[in-house]
Amino acid sequence: MVNVECGRRRGAGTLGAWALMLAVLGAGCDPGSGAPAPGEDLATQRQAALSYNALSFNGLSFNGLSFNGLSFNGLSFNGLSTASFAQWFSADPALAEQVMRYVVRCAVPQGQTRSYTDAQTNTVHTWPGLLGLAPGWANGAPPTLAEQQMVSACLAAHANRFGVSVPISVLGRNGQGAPIPTTAEELATFTRPESCFFGNVFQGQGLYAGSQNPPLTAAQSTTRACAVVDGSGHPRMTCAPLAYVGSCSAVCTREGTSLAFTSCTVGGVTFQPLTTRVRDADLAACGDGICQVTESCGASNTYDACAADCGACP
């Protein structure tokens, strides 16, 4: 993702019900806009920043990806109007606002919004679309299996254990098979392969992440720690309900020499994934003079005992 400040460095018509089990989602940055380069296969969509068109910033905080009970029965251009949605939203308005921000950002195309008026407070919540991974659903049709999988993968890719935002480059196809646009500039900037994300929270089939990045050194760390491995071959933290499945190449397939994976299979179920890339500049390194949220005090030069940046422990 692009290094931007986001608090810190680092369809119309009624829809069929979507049973959605989601996490507590934290704040993200607003998207930018721009025109993708033509002819890119399995390309990337980005969150806003720099000069990129639609880079998407991760920033969903992990509190469980289990904010249960959401059922989409009334999503239209006029908003979410069913009693079941109102009941779900009122259970935790702050959390529901964050969840919906990312659901709409992932599912609905840029230029469209979805709105909901909270009858208890008379507050109008409006959420802009960005990635458009569920175009049929956004246009009022029941969500297809592929659209459910793509929105699930998108939510997982945007989650961040530390609740901070960094830009990511997201590669894949939307729920109708169209490539997510990218540019040569984006791929040249986001050079570090990171992870693959897939699953289907709408069908209760879980969320999964694999790694494809070069392993972190002992001095390096990242807020994207749920699917980034170090020399041990494992992530440095667990992020339930996101399950780590090992190397992406072990469970996923590519289309020719594409940078993106086209399908991933776990437990006999095949999912359509999203593939992510990041910038090397967004990795923290002990010795850079800043005690990052991923670093700790100590008497060494490793990320978890970084004397140079965080000092000695009291």
Protein backbone atom coordinates (compact mmCIF):
# COMPACT_ATOMS: atom_id res chain seq x y z
CA MET A 1 0.00 0.00 0.00
CA VAL A 2 1.04 3.57 -0.43
CA ASN A 3 2.62 5.28 2.55
CA VAL A 4 -0.09 7.75 3.52
CA GLU A 5 -1.39 9.26 6.67
CA CYS A 6 -4.61 7.71 7.83
CA GLY A 7 -4.45 8.77 11.42
CA ARG A 8 -1.01 7.17 11.61
CA ARG A 9 1.72 6.13 9.26
CA ARG A 10 1.82 3.27 8.26
CA GLY A 11 -27.72 -1.74 -7.74
CA ALA A 12 -30.93 -0.97 -7.18
CA GLY A 13 -33.63 -3.31 -5.97
CA THR A 14 -34.11 -5.65 -3.07
CA LEU A 15 -31.46 -8.32 -2.67
CA GLY A 16 -31.71 -11.90 -1.59
CA ALA A 17 -30.51 -12.47 1.95
CA TRP A 18 -26.78 -12.51 2.56
CA ALA A 19 -25.94 -14.15 5.86
CA LEU A 20 -22.79 -12.26 6.78
CA MET A 21 -20.43 -13.09 9.64
CA LEU A 22 -17.98 -10.21 9.85
CA ALA A 23 -15.29 -8.84 12.06
CA VAL A 24 -14.98 -5.60 13.85
CA LEU A 25 -13.74 -3.38 11.09
CA GLY A 26 -11.53 -0.40 11.82
CA ALA A 27 -11.20 2.87 10.00
CA GLY A 28 -9.71 3.07 6.51
CA CYS A 29 -8.83 5.92 4.19
CA ASP A 30 -11.08 7.24 1.51
CA PRO A 31 -10.42 6.02 -2.03
CA GLY A 32 -9.02 8.04 -4.85
CA SER A 33 -9.93 7.90 -8.51
CA GLY A 34 -8.39 7.48 -11.93
CA ALA A 35 -8.32 5.48 -15.12
CA PRO A 36 -6.82 1.99 -15.33
CA ALA A 37 -4.47 0.92 -18.05
CA PRO A 38 -6.11 -1.30 -20.67
CA GLY A 39 -5.24 -4.89 -21.36
CA GLU A 40 -4.08 -5.97 -17.92
CA ASP A 41 -5.01 -9.56 -17.08
CA LEU A 42 -5.97 -10.33 -13.49
CA ALA A 43 -4.93 -6.84 -12.59
CA THR A 44 -4.96 -4.84 -9.39
CA GLN A 45 -7.28 -2.33 -7.79
CA ARG A 46 -5.72 0.11 -5.39
CA GLN A 47 -6.76 2.22 -2.45
CA ALA A 48 -6.32 5.97 -2.79
CA ALA A 49 -3.01 7.73 -2.42
CA LEU A 50 -0.10 8.91 -4.51
CA SER A 51 -1.42 9.24 -8.05
CA TYR A 52 -3.20 5.91 -8.11
CA ASN A 53 -6.77 5.56 -9.18
CA ALA A 54 -8.49 3.41 -6.61
CA LEU A 55 -5.98 1.96 -4.22
CA SER A 56 -7.74 0.58 -1.19
CA PHE A 57 -6.27 1.00 2.27
CA ASN A 58 -6.46 -1.81 4.75
CA GLY A 59 -7.46 -0.81 8.24
CA LEU A 60 -10.07 -3.23 9.52
CA SER A 61 -9.18 -4.14 13.06
CA PHE A 62 -9.47 -7.78 14.08
CA ASN A 63 -11.94 -8.29 16.88
CA GLY A 64 -13.32 -11.50 15.54
CA LEU A 65 -14.71 -11.14 12.02
CA SER A 66 -17.83 -12.39 13.70
CA PHE A 67 -20.23 -9.48 14.04
CA ASN A 68 -23.08 -11.85 13.47
CA GLY A 69 -26.61 -11.58 12.21
CA LEU A 70 -26.25 -9.28 9.22
CA SER A 71 -28.76 -10.15 6.52
CA PHE A 72 -29.03 -8.04 3.39
CA ASN A 73 -32.71 -7.94 2.54
CA GLY A 74 -33.18 -4.32 1.58
CA LEU A 75 -30.07 -2.90 -0.03
CA SER A 76 -31.06 -0.59 -2.86
CA PHE A 77 -30.26 2.86 -4.14
CA ASN A 78 -32.65 4.13 -1.46
CA GLY A 79 -30.73 2.46 1.33
CA LEU A 80 -31.05 -0.42 3.73
CA SER A 81 -34.63 -0.37 4.87
CA THR A 82 -35.57 -3.71 6.37
CA ALA A 83 -36.39 -4.25 10.02
CA SER A 84 -33.78 -7.00 10.28
CA PHE A 85 -31.03 -4.68 9.07
CA ALA A 86 -32.16 -1.94 11.45
CA GLN A 87 -32.05 -4.39 14.34
CA TRP A 88 -28.57 -5.55 13.37
CA PHE A 89 -27.30 -1.99 12.95
CA SER A 90 -28.71 -0.77 16.26
CA ALA A 91 -26.98 -3.56 18.20
CA ASP A 92 -23.64 -1.75 17.78
CA PRO A 93 -23.94 1.31 15.51
CA ALA A 94 -20.24 2.22 15.57
CA LEU A 95 -19.18 -1.28 14.61
CA ALA A 96 -21.95 -1.67 12.05
CA GLU A 97 -20.90 1.61 10.43
CA GLN A 98 -17.36 0.31 10.02
CA VAL A 99 -18.50 -3.05 8.70
CA MET A 100 -20.77 -1.46 6.12
CA ARG A 101 -18.05 0.95 5.02
CA TYR A 102 -15.93 -1.98 3.90
CA VAL A 103 -18.76 -4.16 2.59
CA VAL A 104 -19.86 -1.38 0.25
CA ARG A 105 -16.29 -0.40 -0.62
CA CYS A 106 -15.55 -3.96 -1.68
CA ALA A 107 -18.83 -4.82 -3.40
CA VAL A 108 -20.09 -1.65 -5.07
CA PRO A 109 -18.42 0.16 -8.01
CA GLN A 110 -16.75 3.52 -7.65
CA GLY A 111 -19.20 6.37 -8.22
CA GLN A 112 -22.08 4.64 -6.43
CA THR A 113 -23.08 4.91 -2.78
CA ARG A 114 -25.39 3.10 -0.39
CA SER A 115 -27.19 4.92 2.43
CA TYR A 116 -29.02 4.07 5.61
CA THR A 117 -30.91 6.33 8.02
CA ASP A 118 -30.69 5.30 11.66
CA ALA A 119 -34.23 5.87 12.93
CA GLN A 120 -33.03 6.06 16.53
CA THR A 121 -30.69 8.99 15.92
CA ASN A 122 -31.95 10.26 12.55
CA THR A 123 -28.36 9.98 11.34
CA VAL A 124 -27.84 9.29 7.64
CA HIS A 125 -24.92 6.94 6.94
CA THR A 126 -23.59 6.99 3.37
CA TRP A 127 -20.96 4.55 2.16
CA PRO A 128 -19.12 4.97 -1.17
CA GLY A 129 -18.33 2.06 -3.44
CA LEU A 130 -14.87 1.48 -4.84
CA LEU A 131 -13.75 -1.95 -6.02
CA GLY A 132 -17.03 -3.19 -7.53
CA LEU A 133 -16.31 -6.86 -6.86
CA ALA A 134 -20.03 -7.74 -6.83
CA PRO A 135 -21.44 -5.91 -9.88
CA GLY A 136 -24.54 -8.08 -10.17
CA TRP A 137 -25.41 -7.57 -6.52
CA ALA A 138 -24.73 -3.84 -6.83
CA ASN A 139 -27.26 -3.73 -9.67
CA GLY A 140 -29.97 -5.44 -7.65
CA ALA A 141 -29.51 -9.12 -8.45
CA PRO A 142 -29.04 -11.78 -5.77
CA PRO A 143 -25.33 -12.23 -5.05
CA THR A 144 -23.71 -15.08 -6.93
CA LEU A 145 -21.38 -17.55 -5.26
CA ALA A 146 -18.42 -15.84 -6.94
CA GLU A 147 -19.54 -12.44 -5.67
CA GLN A 148 -19.89 -13.78 -2.14
CA GLN A 149 -16.37 -15.19 -2.35
CA MET A 150 -14.85 -12.01 -3.75
CA VAL A 151 -16.40 -9.74 -1.13
CA SER A 152 -15.29 -12.19 1.58
CA ALA A 153 -11.73 -12.19 0.21
CA CYS A 154 -11.77 -8.40 0.02
CA LEU A 155 -12.81 -8.02 3.65
CA ALA A 156 -10.09 -10.42 4.74
CA ALA A 157 -7.47 -8.57 2.67
CA HIS A 158 -8.41 -5.27 4.30
CA ALA A 159 -8.25 -6.50 7.88
CA ASN A 160 -5.38 -5.24 9.99
CA ARG A 161 -4.50 -6.63 13.39
CA PHE A 162 -3.03 -3.32 14.52
CA GLY A 163 -5.93 -1.18 13.33
CA VAL A 164 -3.67 0.98 11.16
CA SER A 165 -3.88 1.73 7.47
CA VAL A 166 -1.32 1.04 4.79
CA PRO A 167 -1.91 0.85 1.03
CA ILE A 168 -2.07 -2.50 -0.73
CA SER A 169 -2.27 -3.51 -4.35
CA VAL A 170 -5.10 -6.00 -4.84
CA LEU A 171 -5.06 -8.31 -7.86
CA GLY A 172 -7.81 -10.57 -9.12
CA ARG A 173 -11.14 -10.61 -10.91
CA ASN A 174 -14.54 -9.42 -9.82
CA GLY A 175 -17.50 -11.72 -9.30
CA GLN A 176 -18.30 -11.66 -13.02
CA GLY A 177 -14.78 -12.54 -14.10
CA ALA A 178 -13.61 -9.09 -15.22
CA PRO A 179 -10.03 -8.21 -14.21
CA ILE A 180 -9.52 -5.53 -11.59
CA PRO A 181 -7.69 -2.74 -13.46
CA THR A 182 -4.07 -1.89 -12.79
CA THR A 183 -1.21 0.08 -14.31
CA ALA A 184 2.44 -0.65 -14.95
CA GLU A 185 3.27 2.14 -12.48
CA GLU A 186 1.35 0.40 -9.73
CA LEU A 187 3.06 -2.92 -10.29
CA ALA A 188 6.43 -1.19 -10.38
CA THR A 189 5.69 0.49 -7.05
CA PHE A 190 4.05 -2.42 -5.24
CA THR A 191 6.80 -4.88 -5.98
CA ARG A 192 6.66 -7.16 -2.95
CA PRO A 193 4.34 -10.19 -3.30
CA GLU A 194 2.41 -10.52 -0.06
CA SER A 195 -0.57 -12.84 0.40
CA CYS A 196 -3.64 -14.53 -1.00
CA PHE A 197 -7.04 -14.21 0.68
CA PHE A 198 -10.16 -16.30 0.11
CA GLY A 199 -13.20 -17.83 1.75
CA ASN A 200 -16.94 -17.25 2.05
CA VAL A 201 -18.27 -15.70 5.25
CA PHE A 202 -21.74 -15.53 3.73
CA GLN A 203 -21.93 -19.33 3.60
CA GLY A 204 -20.09 -19.90 6.87
CA GLN A 205 -17.11 -21.42 5.03
CA GLY A 206 -14.46 -19.38 6.81
CA LEU A 207 -11.72 -16.97 5.77
CA TYR A 208 -8.22 -18.03 4.75
CA ALA A 209 -4.88 -16.41 4.05
CA GLY A 210 -1.66 -17.70 2.59
CA SER A 211 1.78 -16.18 2.08
CA GLN A 212 3.76 -15.56 -1.08
CA ASN A 213 6.12 -12.89 0.12
CA PRO A 214 9.85 -13.12 0.76
CA PRO A 215 10.18 -13.91 4.48
CA LEU A 216 10.75 -11.06 6.89
CA THR A 217 14.19 -10.71 8.41
CA ALA A 218 14.61 -10.64 12.18
CA ALA A 219 14.78 -6.84 12.05
CA GLN A 220 11.74 -6.35 9.83
CA SER A 221 8.10 -6.19 10.85
CA THR A 222 4.76 -5.26 9.31
CA THR A 223 1.27 -4.38 10.41
CA ARG A 224 0.16 -6.90 7.78
CA ALA A 225 1.28 -9.66 10.12
CA CYS A 226 -1.52 -12.18 9.72
CA ALA A 227 -0.26 -13.75 6.50
CA VAL A 228 3.36 -12.59 6.28
CA VAL A 229 5.94 -15.13 7.40
CA ASP A 230 9.44 -14.79 8.80
CA GLY A 231 12.30 -17.26 8.70
CA SER A 232 10.26 -19.74 10.73
CA GLY A 233 7.84 -20.16 7.84
CA HIS A 234 4.89 -19.02 9.96
CA PRO A 235 3.15 -15.71 10.61
CA ARG A 236 4.19 -13.94 13.80
CA MET A 237 0.62 -13.74 15.07
CA THR A 238 -2.68 -15.53 14.67
CA CYS A 239 -5.70 -13.58 13.52
CA ALA A 240 -8.76 -15.72 14.15
CA PRO A 241 -11.09 -16.27 12.42
CA LEU A 242 -8.63 -15.79 9.55
CA ALA A 243 -6.94 -19.17 9.15
CA TYR A 244 -3.40 -19.38 7.79
CA VAL A 245 -2.99 -22.09 5.12
CA GLY A 246 0.74 -21.84 4.37
CA SER A 247 2.18 -20.94 1.00
CA CYS A 248 -0.33 -19.65 -1.54
CA SER A 249 1.27 -21.77 -4.24
CA ALA A 250 0.50 -24.92 -2.24
CA VAL A 251 -3.27 -24.38 -2.27
CA CYS A 252 -3.84 -21.97 -5.16
CA THR A 253 -3.38 -22.01 -8.93
CA ARG A 254 -2.35 -19.28 -11.35
CA GLU A 255 -3.38 -18.58 -14.92
CA GLY A 256 -0.17 -18.84 -16.92
CA THR A 257 2.38 -16.29 -15.75
CA SER A 258 -0.19 -14.04 -14.11
CA LEU A 259 0.78 -12.31 -10.87
CA ALA A 260 -2.59 -13.23 -9.39
CA PHE A 261 -3.96 -16.56 -8.25
CA THR A 262 -7.19 -17.64 -9.92
CA SER A 263 -8.47 -20.28 -7.49
CA CYS A 264 -7.62 -21.70 -4.07
CA THR A 265 -8.86 -24.97 -2.58
CA VAL A 266 -9.16 -25.86 1.10
CA GLY A 267 -11.09 -28.79 2.54
CA GLY A 268 -12.32 -29.80 -0.89
CA VAL A 269 -13.94 -26.39 -1.50
CA THR A 270 -12.60 -24.13 -4.24
CA PHE A 271 -12.71 -20.36 -3.82
CA GLN A 272 -11.95 -17.37 -6.03
CA PRO A 273 -9.18 -15.39 -4.25
CA LEU A 274 -7.64 -11.96 -4.18
CA THR A 275 -3.86 -11.60 -4.34
CA THR A 276 -2.05 -8.74 -2.62
CA ARG A 277 1.22 -6.89 -3.12
CA VAL A 278 2.84 -4.25 -0.90
CA ARG A 279 5.70 -1.79 -1.01
CA ASP A 280 9.04 -2.59 0.60
CA ALA A 281 8.98 0.97 1.95
CA ASP A 282 6.00 0.09 4.14
CA LEU A 283 7.91 -2.57 6.06
CA ALA A 284 9.29 -1.38 9.39
CA ALA A 285 12.93 -2.10 10.18
CA CYS A 286 14.64 -1.90 13.54
CA GLY A 287 17.14 0.93 13.29
CA ASP A 288 15.06 3.33 11.19
CA GLY A 289 14.71 5.68 14.15
CA ILE A 290 10.98 5.21 14.76
CA CYS A 291 9.51 2.87 17.33
CA GLN A 292 6.74 1.36 15.24
CA VAL A 293 3.60 -0.29 16.63
CA THR A 294 5.08 -3.60 15.49
CA GLU A 295 8.31 -3.13 17.47
CA SER A 296 9.18 -3.54 21.14
CA CYS A 297 11.79 -2.26 23.55
CA GLY A 298 14.82 -4.38 24.32
CA ALA A 299 18.55 -4.73 24.04
CA SER A 300 18.96 -6.11 20.52
CA ASN A 301 18.42 -5.15 16.89
CA THR A 302 15.43 -7.42 16.24
CA TYR A 303 11.90 -6.15 15.78
CA ASP A 304 10.79 -7.53 19.17
CA ALA A 305 13.76 -6.12 21.12
CA CYS A 306 14.69 -3.02 19.17
CA ALA A 307 16.99 -0.89 21.30
CA ALA A 308 17.77 1.56 18.50
CA ASP A 309 14.15 2.58 17.96
CA CYS A 310 12.33 1.77 21.20
CA GLY A 311 15.11 1.92 23.78
CA ALA A 312 15.78 -0.41 26.67
CA CYS A 313 12.85 -1.86 28.51
CA PRO A 314 12.22 -0.27 31.93
